[in-house]
Amino acid sequence: MQTDVLKMAKEALKIQCEEFTRVVADATRLLTEENGSIGNFDVVGRLVKVEPSGEAVIIGDLHGDLESLTHILQESNFLQRAEKDTVLIFLGDYGDRGSYSAEVY
């Protein structure tokens, strides 16, 4: 699974601006439309509340550091754990600076 994380990071480096903008707009629209419950999540406006069950991988202050994000996802085996009851939570500044801010998003 570690190679899957590297593959995802490489694909992020190739994304075109228009595609990135579309994905962000789609995600924003979905969060806005999805008030209510979705699986173990409650969505209120743009806030996603996570039920206190399962496991969480919490990442903070990446500042656009794609290499660190890749390392964290590999070391935590997140892709394998995500198939179970594990969520990924970003706190703080994950894409506000750095050469790869867009790719981290």
C-alpha atoms as a PDB file:
ATOM      1  CA  MET A   1       0.000   0.000   0.000  1.00  0.00           C
ATOM      2  CA  GLN A   2       2.927   2.345   0.487  1.00  0.00           C
ATOM      3  CA  THR A   3       3.412   2.518  -3.260  1.00  0.00           C
ATOM      4  CA  ASP A   4      -0.223   3.653  -3.562  1.00  0.00           C
ATOM      5  CA  VAL A   5       0.588   6.707  -1.427  1.00  0.00           C
ATOM      6  CA  LEU A   6       3.595   7.501  -3.618  1.00  0.00           C
ATOM      7  CA  LYS A   7       1.470   7.027  -6.745  1.00  0.00           C
ATOM      8  CA  MET A   8      -1.150   9.430  -5.372  1.00  0.00           C
ATOM      9  CA  ALA A   9       1.543  12.019  -4.587  1.00  0.00           C
ATOM     10  CA  LYS A  10       2.973  11.742  -8.110  1.00  0.00           C
ATOM     11  CA  GLU A  11      -0.505  12.132  -9.608  1.00  0.00           C
ATOM     12  CA  ALA A  12      -1.061  15.237  -7.476  1.00  0.00           C
ATOM     13  CA  LEU A  13       2.052  16.777  -9.021  1.00  0.00           C
ATOM     14  CA  LYS A  14       0.576  16.315 -12.518  1.00  0.00           C
ATOM     15  CA  ILE A  15      -2.885  17.784 -11.931  1.00  0.00           C
ATOM     16  CA  GLN A  16      -3.853  20.753 -14.078  1.00  0.00           C
ATOM     17  CA  CYS A  17      -5.085  23.996 -12.519  1.00  0.00           C
ATOM     18  CA  GLU A  18      -8.565  23.663 -14.020  1.00  0.00           C
ATOM     19  CA  GLU A  19      -8.990  20.134 -12.662  1.00  0.00           C
ATOM     20  CA  PHE A  20      -7.811  21.198  -9.194  1.00  0.00           C
ATOM     21  CA  THR A  21     -10.215  24.147  -9.172  1.00  0.00           C
ATOM     22  CA  ARG A  22     -13.083  21.877 -10.252  1.00  0.00           C
ATOM     23  CA  VAL A  23     -12.344  19.320  -7.514  1.00  0.00           C
ATOM     24  CA  VAL A  24     -12.250  22.033  -4.825  1.00  0.00           C
ATOM     25  CA  ALA A  25     -15.499  23.552  -6.115  1.00  0.00           C
ATOM     26  CA  ASP A  26     -17.173  20.120  -6.198  1.00  0.00           C
ATOM     27  CA  ALA A  27     -16.030  19.315  -2.652  1.00  0.00           C
ATOM     28  CA  THR A  28     -17.270  22.680  -1.384  1.00  0.00           C
ATOM     29  CA  ARG A  29     -20.619  22.202  -3.124  1.00  0.00           C
ATOM     30  CA  LEU A  30     -21.027  18.684  -1.721  1.00  0.00           C
ATOM     31  CA  LEU A  31     -20.275  19.794   1.829  1.00  0.00           C
ATOM     32  CA  THR A  32     -22.733  22.667   1.478  1.00  0.00           C
ATOM     33  CA  GLU A  33     -25.472  20.380   0.120  1.00  0.00           C
ATOM     34  CA  GLU A  34     -24.862  17.513   2.531  1.00  0.00           C
ATOM     35  CA  ASN A  35     -26.421  18.817   5.732  1.00  0.00           C
ATOM     36  CA  GLY A  36     -27.300  15.863   7.918  1.00  0.00           C
ATOM     37  CA  SER A  37     -25.714  12.491   8.521  1.00  0.00           C
ATOM     38  CA  ILE A  38     -23.324  10.732   6.162  1.00  0.00           C
ATOM     39  CA  GLY A  39     -22.057   7.459   7.603  1.00  0.00           C
ATOM     40  CA  ASN A  40     -20.393   8.267  10.926  1.00  0.00           C
ATOM     41  CA  PHE A  41     -20.317  11.982  10.129  1.00  0.00           C
ATOM     42  CA  ASP A  42     -22.724  14.818  10.805  1.00  0.00           C
ATOM     43  CA  VAL A  43     -22.421  17.704   8.354  1.00  0.00           C
ATOM     44  CA  VAL A  44     -23.573  21.147   9.458  1.00  0.00           C
ATOM     45  CA  GLY A  45     -22.762  23.842   6.914  1.00  0.00           C
ATOM     46  CA  ARG A  46     -19.105  23.271   6.112  1.00  0.00           C
ATOM     47  CA  LEU A  47     -18.345  21.659   9.464  1.00  0.00           C
ATOM     48  CA  VAL A  48     -17.983  17.877   9.549  1.00  0.00           C
ATOM     49  CA  LYS A  49     -18.512  16.353  12.982  1.00  0.00           C
ATOM     50  CA  VAL A  50     -16.907  12.955  13.527  1.00  0.00           C
ATOM     51  CA  GLU A  51     -18.476  10.394  15.845  1.00  0.00           C
ATOM     52  CA  PRO A  52     -16.108   9.328  18.636  1.00  0.00           C
ATOM     53  CA  SER A  53     -15.611   5.785  17.371  1.00  0.00           C
ATOM     54  CA  GLY A  54     -12.855   3.959  15.564  1.00  0.00           C
ATOM     55  CA  GLU A  55      -9.434   5.479  15.024  1.00  0.00           C
ATOM     56  CA  ALA A  56      -8.212   8.804  13.691  1.00  0.00           C
ATOM     57  CA  VAL A  57      -4.995   9.888  12.032  1.00  0.00           C
ATOM     58  CA  ILE A  58      -4.572  13.561  12.880  1.00  0.00           C
ATOM     59  CA  ILE A  59      -2.217  15.778  10.879  1.00  0.00           C
ATOM     60  CA  GLY A  60      -1.459  19.417  11.585  1.00  0.00           C
ATOM     61  CA  ASP A  61       0.583  22.280  10.167  1.00  0.00           C
ATOM     62  CA  LEU A  62       1.933  20.727   6.969  1.00  0.00           C
ATOM     63  CA  HIS A  63       2.281  24.133   5.296  1.00  0.00           C
ATOM     64  CA  GLY A  64       2.275  22.560   1.837  1.00  0.00           C
ATOM     65  CA  ASP A  65       4.907  19.932   2.638  1.00  0.00           C
ATOM     66  CA  LEU A  66       3.903  17.077   0.310  1.00  0.00           C
ATOM     67  CA  GLU A  67       6.898  14.966   1.316  1.00  0.00           C
ATOM     68  CA  SER A  68       5.843  15.042   4.984  1.00  0.00           C
ATOM     69  CA  LEU A  69       2.238  14.229   4.089  1.00  0.00           C
ATOM     70  CA  THR A  70       3.389  11.263   2.015  1.00  0.00           C
ATOM     71  CA  HIS A  71       5.627  10.094   4.860  1.00  0.00           C
ATOM     72  CA  ILE A  72       2.818  10.368   7.432  1.00  0.00           C
ATOM     73  CA  LEU A  73       0.351   8.473   5.239  1.00  0.00           C
ATOM     74  CA  GLN A  74       2.900   5.722   4.599  1.00  0.00           C
ATOM     75  CA  GLU A  75       4.069   5.381   8.210  1.00  0.00           C
ATOM     76  CA  SER A  76       0.513   5.334   9.555  1.00  0.00           C
ATOM     77  CA  ASN A  77      -0.612   2.814   6.901  1.00  0.00           C
ATOM     78  CA  PHE A  78      -3.596   5.090   6.421  1.00  0.00           C
ATOM     79  CA  LEU A  79      -4.812   3.597   3.143  1.00  0.00           C
ATOM     80  CA  GLN A  80      -5.033   0.162   4.750  1.00  0.00           C
ATOM     81  CA  ARG A  81      -6.600   1.542   7.918  1.00  0.00           C
ATOM     82  CA  ALA A  82      -9.116   3.680   5.991  1.00  0.00           C
ATOM     83  CA  GLU A  83     -10.863   0.504   4.895  1.00  0.00           C
ATOM     84  CA  LYS A  84     -11.765  -0.026   8.539  1.00  0.00           C
ATOM     85  CA  ASP A  85     -13.201   2.597  10.869  1.00  0.00           C
ATOM     86  CA  THR A  86     -10.364   5.136  10.557  1.00  0.00           C
ATOM     87  CA  VAL A  87     -10.681   8.790   9.554  1.00  0.00           C
ATOM     88  CA  LEU A  88      -8.071  11.341   8.485  1.00  0.00           C
ATOM     89  CA  ILE A  89      -8.333  14.714  10.216  1.00  0.00           C
ATOM     90  CA  PHE A  90      -6.336  17.777   9.180  1.00  0.00           C
ATOM     91  CA  LEU A  91      -5.824  20.492  11.776  1.00  0.00           C
ATOM     92  CA  GLY A  92      -4.209  23.838  11.218  1.00  0.00           C
ATOM     93  CA  ASP A  93      -2.341  25.094   8.205  1.00  0.00           C
ATOM     94  CA  TYR A  94      -1.998  22.272   5.730  1.00  0.00           C
ATOM     95  CA  GLY A  95      -1.643  24.182   2.502  1.00  0.00           C
ATOM     96  CA  ASP A  96      -1.062  27.865   3.129  1.00  0.00           C
ATOM     97  CA  ARG A  97       2.657  27.984   2.259  1.00  0.00           C
ATOM     98  CA  GLY A  98       5.250  25.854   0.594  1.00  0.00           C
ATOM     99  CA  SER A  99       5.926  24.780  -2.934  1.00  0.00           C
ATOM    100  CA  TYR A 100       3.297  22.025  -2.941  1.00  0.00           C
ATOM    101  CA  SER A 101       0.330  23.617  -1.183  1.00  0.00           C
ATOM    102  CA  ALA A 102      -2.098  22.773  -3.992  1.00  0.00           C
ATOM    103  CA  GLU A 103      -0.887  19.177  -4.143  1.00  0.00           C
ATOM    104  CA  VAL A 104      -1.336  18.771  -0.388  1.00  0.00           C
ATOM    105  CA  TYR A 105      -4.961  19.920  -0.741  1.00  0.00           C
END
